[in-house]
Amino acid sequence: MSNPKTAISIQEPLLKEADSLARELKLSRSRLFAIAMAEFIQRQHNKKLLQRINEAYIDNTDASDEDYLQGLKKRHRELIEGQW
């Protein structure tokens, strides 16, 4: 797999925090950004999946299932957004 180079523009405070975190984790800045991008993309995929699941069940829910489904949606959203 090739690793093409790219240039990005970000605010200086964010870059300083990224550099600090990369040093702390003993990672290169490039590796840190790659990990962050992979995680962001996975979250977006998860959000789309949750949306498709919700759309599939929107008309097929029983009133007694609604509370349970709301709890599942909340927990899934927390997991997707990293709020363990």
C-alpha atoms as a PDB file:
ATOM      1  CA  MET A   1       0.000   0.000   0.000  1.00  0.00           C
ATOM      2  CA  SER A   2       1.393   3.379  -0.936  1.00  0.00           C
ATOM      3  CA  ASN A   3       1.421   6.338   1.399  1.00  0.00           C
ATOM      4  CA  PRO A   4       0.806   9.451  -0.700  1.00  0.00           C
ATOM      5  CA  LYS A   5       1.777  12.750   0.857  1.00  0.00           C
ATOM      6  CA  THR A   6      -0.759  15.494   1.322  1.00  0.00           C
ATOM      7  CA  ALA A   7      -0.808  18.967   2.797  1.00  0.00           C
ATOM      8  CA  ILE A   8      -3.515  20.230   5.117  1.00  0.00           C
ATOM      9  CA  SER A   9      -4.166  23.563   6.758  1.00  0.00           C
ATOM     10  CA  ILE A  10      -5.278  23.592  10.380  1.00  0.00           C
ATOM     11  CA  GLN A  11      -5.315  26.192  13.104  1.00  0.00           C
ATOM     12  CA  GLU A  12      -2.058  26.552  14.992  1.00  0.00           C
ATOM     13  CA  PRO A  13      -3.475  25.654  18.442  1.00  0.00           C
ATOM     14  CA  LEU A  14      -4.798  22.371  17.039  1.00  0.00           C
ATOM     15  CA  LEU A  15      -1.442  21.616  15.436  1.00  0.00           C
ATOM     16  CA  LYS A  16       0.343  22.273  18.729  1.00  0.00           C
ATOM     17  CA  GLU A  17      -2.021  19.918  20.562  1.00  0.00           C
ATOM     18  CA  ALA A  18      -1.543  17.278  17.875  1.00  0.00           C
ATOM     19  CA  ASP A  19       2.241  17.576  18.099  1.00  0.00           C
ATOM     20  CA  SER A  20       2.090  17.304  21.870  1.00  0.00           C
ATOM     21  CA  LEU A  21      -0.139  14.239  21.730  1.00  0.00           C
ATOM     22  CA  ALA A  22       2.015  12.618  19.057  1.00  0.00           C
ATOM     23  CA  ARG A  23       5.101  13.037  21.260  1.00  0.00           C
ATOM     24  CA  GLU A  24       3.221  11.677  24.279  1.00  0.00           C
ATOM     25  CA  LEU A  25       2.069   8.622  22.328  1.00  0.00           C
ATOM     26  CA  LYS A  26       5.452   8.233  20.629  1.00  0.00           C
ATOM     27  CA  LEU A  27       3.869   8.526  17.183  1.00  0.00           C
ATOM     28  CA  SER A  28       4.778  10.586  14.194  1.00  0.00           C
ATOM     29  CA  ARG A  29       2.446  13.454  13.417  1.00  0.00           C
ATOM     30  CA  SER A  30       1.532  11.691  10.168  1.00  0.00           C
ATOM     31  CA  ARG A  31       0.585   8.514  12.024  1.00  0.00           C
ATOM     32  CA  LEU A  32      -1.505  10.479  14.533  1.00  0.00           C
ATOM     33  CA  PHE A  33      -3.427  12.188  11.734  1.00  0.00           C
ATOM     34  CA  ALA A  34      -3.922   8.866   9.925  1.00  0.00           C
ATOM     35  CA  ILE A  35      -5.335   7.277  13.106  1.00  0.00           C
ATOM     36  CA  ALA A  36      -7.612  10.263  13.703  1.00  0.00           C
ATOM     37  CA  MET A  37      -8.870  10.214  10.117  1.00  0.00           C
ATOM     38  CA  ALA A  38      -9.526   6.465  10.215  1.00  0.00           C
ATOM     39  CA  GLU A  39     -11.512   6.868  13.440  1.00  0.00           C
ATOM     40  CA  PHE A  40     -13.513   9.780  12.017  1.00  0.00           C
ATOM     41  CA  ILE A  41     -14.351   7.827   8.860  1.00  0.00           C
ATOM     42  CA  GLN A  42     -15.442   4.812  10.935  1.00  0.00           C
ATOM     43  CA  ARG A  43     -17.719   7.031  13.017  1.00  0.00           C
ATOM     44  CA  GLN A  44     -19.315   8.389   9.859  1.00  0.00           C
ATOM     45  CA  HIS A  45     -19.913   4.848   8.593  1.00  0.00           C
ATOM     46  CA  ASN A  46     -21.459   3.935  11.953  1.00  0.00           C
ATOM     47  CA  LYS A  47     -23.744   6.980  11.861  1.00  0.00           C
ATOM     48  CA  LYS A  48     -24.951   6.044   8.384  1.00  0.00           C
ATOM     49  CA  LEU A  49     -25.553   2.467   9.522  1.00  0.00           C
ATOM     50  CA  LEU A  50     -27.539   3.654  12.540  1.00  0.00           C
ATOM     51  CA  GLN A  51     -29.596   5.890  10.286  1.00  0.00           C
ATOM     52  CA  ARG A  52     -30.372   2.992   7.941  1.00  0.00           C
ATOM     53  CA  ILE A  53     -31.308   0.758  10.889  1.00  0.00           C
ATOM     54  CA  ASN A  54     -33.572   3.440  12.326  1.00  0.00           C
ATOM     55  CA  GLU A  55     -35.248   3.976   8.954  1.00  0.00           C
ATOM     56  CA  ALA A  56     -35.825   0.236   8.576  1.00  0.00           C
ATOM     57  CA  TYR A  57     -37.583   0.001  11.948  1.00  0.00           C
ATOM     58  CA  ILE A  58     -39.429   3.311  11.961  1.00  0.00           C
ATOM     59  CA  ASP A  59     -42.754   1.863  10.814  1.00  0.00           C
ATOM     60  CA  ASN A  60     -42.429  -1.567  12.395  1.00  0.00           C
ATOM     61  CA  THR A  61     -42.247  -0.673  16.069  1.00  0.00           C
ATOM     62  CA  ASP A  62     -44.758  -1.637  18.679  1.00  0.00           C
ATOM     63  CA  ALA A  63     -45.525   0.938  21.359  1.00  0.00           C
ATOM     64  CA  SER A  64     -44.115  -1.405  24.002  1.00  0.00           C
ATOM     65  CA  ASP A  65     -40.807  -1.572  22.111  1.00  0.00           C
ATOM     66  CA  GLU A  66     -40.359   2.191  21.842  1.00  0.00           C
ATOM     67  CA  ASP A  67     -38.671   2.714  25.250  1.00  0.00           C
ATOM     68  CA  TYR A  68     -36.324  -0.186  24.619  1.00  0.00           C
ATOM     69  CA  LEU A  69     -35.411   1.110  21.161  1.00  0.00           C
ATOM     70  CA  GLN A  70     -34.818   4.608  22.488  1.00  0.00           C
ATOM     71  CA  GLY A  71     -32.382   3.180  25.029  1.00  0.00           C
ATOM     72  CA  LEU A  72     -30.590   1.217  22.312  1.00  0.00           C
ATOM     73  CA  LYS A  73     -30.350   4.288  20.099  1.00  0.00           C
ATOM     74  CA  LYS A  74     -28.912   6.332  22.957  1.00  0.00           C
ATOM     75  CA  ARG A  75     -26.318   3.675  23.803  1.00  0.00           C
ATOM     76  CA  HIS A  76     -25.336   3.226  20.164  1.00  0.00           C
ATOM     77  CA  ARG A  77     -24.986   6.999  19.739  1.00  0.00           C
ATOM     78  CA  GLU A  78     -22.749   7.131  22.822  1.00  0.00           C
ATOM     79  CA  LEU A  79     -20.570   4.355  21.427  1.00  0.00           C
ATOM     80  CA  ILE A  80     -20.326   6.018  18.027  1.00  0.00           C
ATOM     81  CA  GLU A  81     -19.417   9.360  19.539  1.00  0.00           C
ATOM     82  CA  GLY A  82     -16.872   7.837  21.874  1.00  0.00           C
ATOM     83  CA  GLN A  83     -18.721   8.585  25.107  1.00  0.00           C
ATOM     84  CA  TRP A  84     -18.021   5.269  26.811  1.00  0.00           C
END
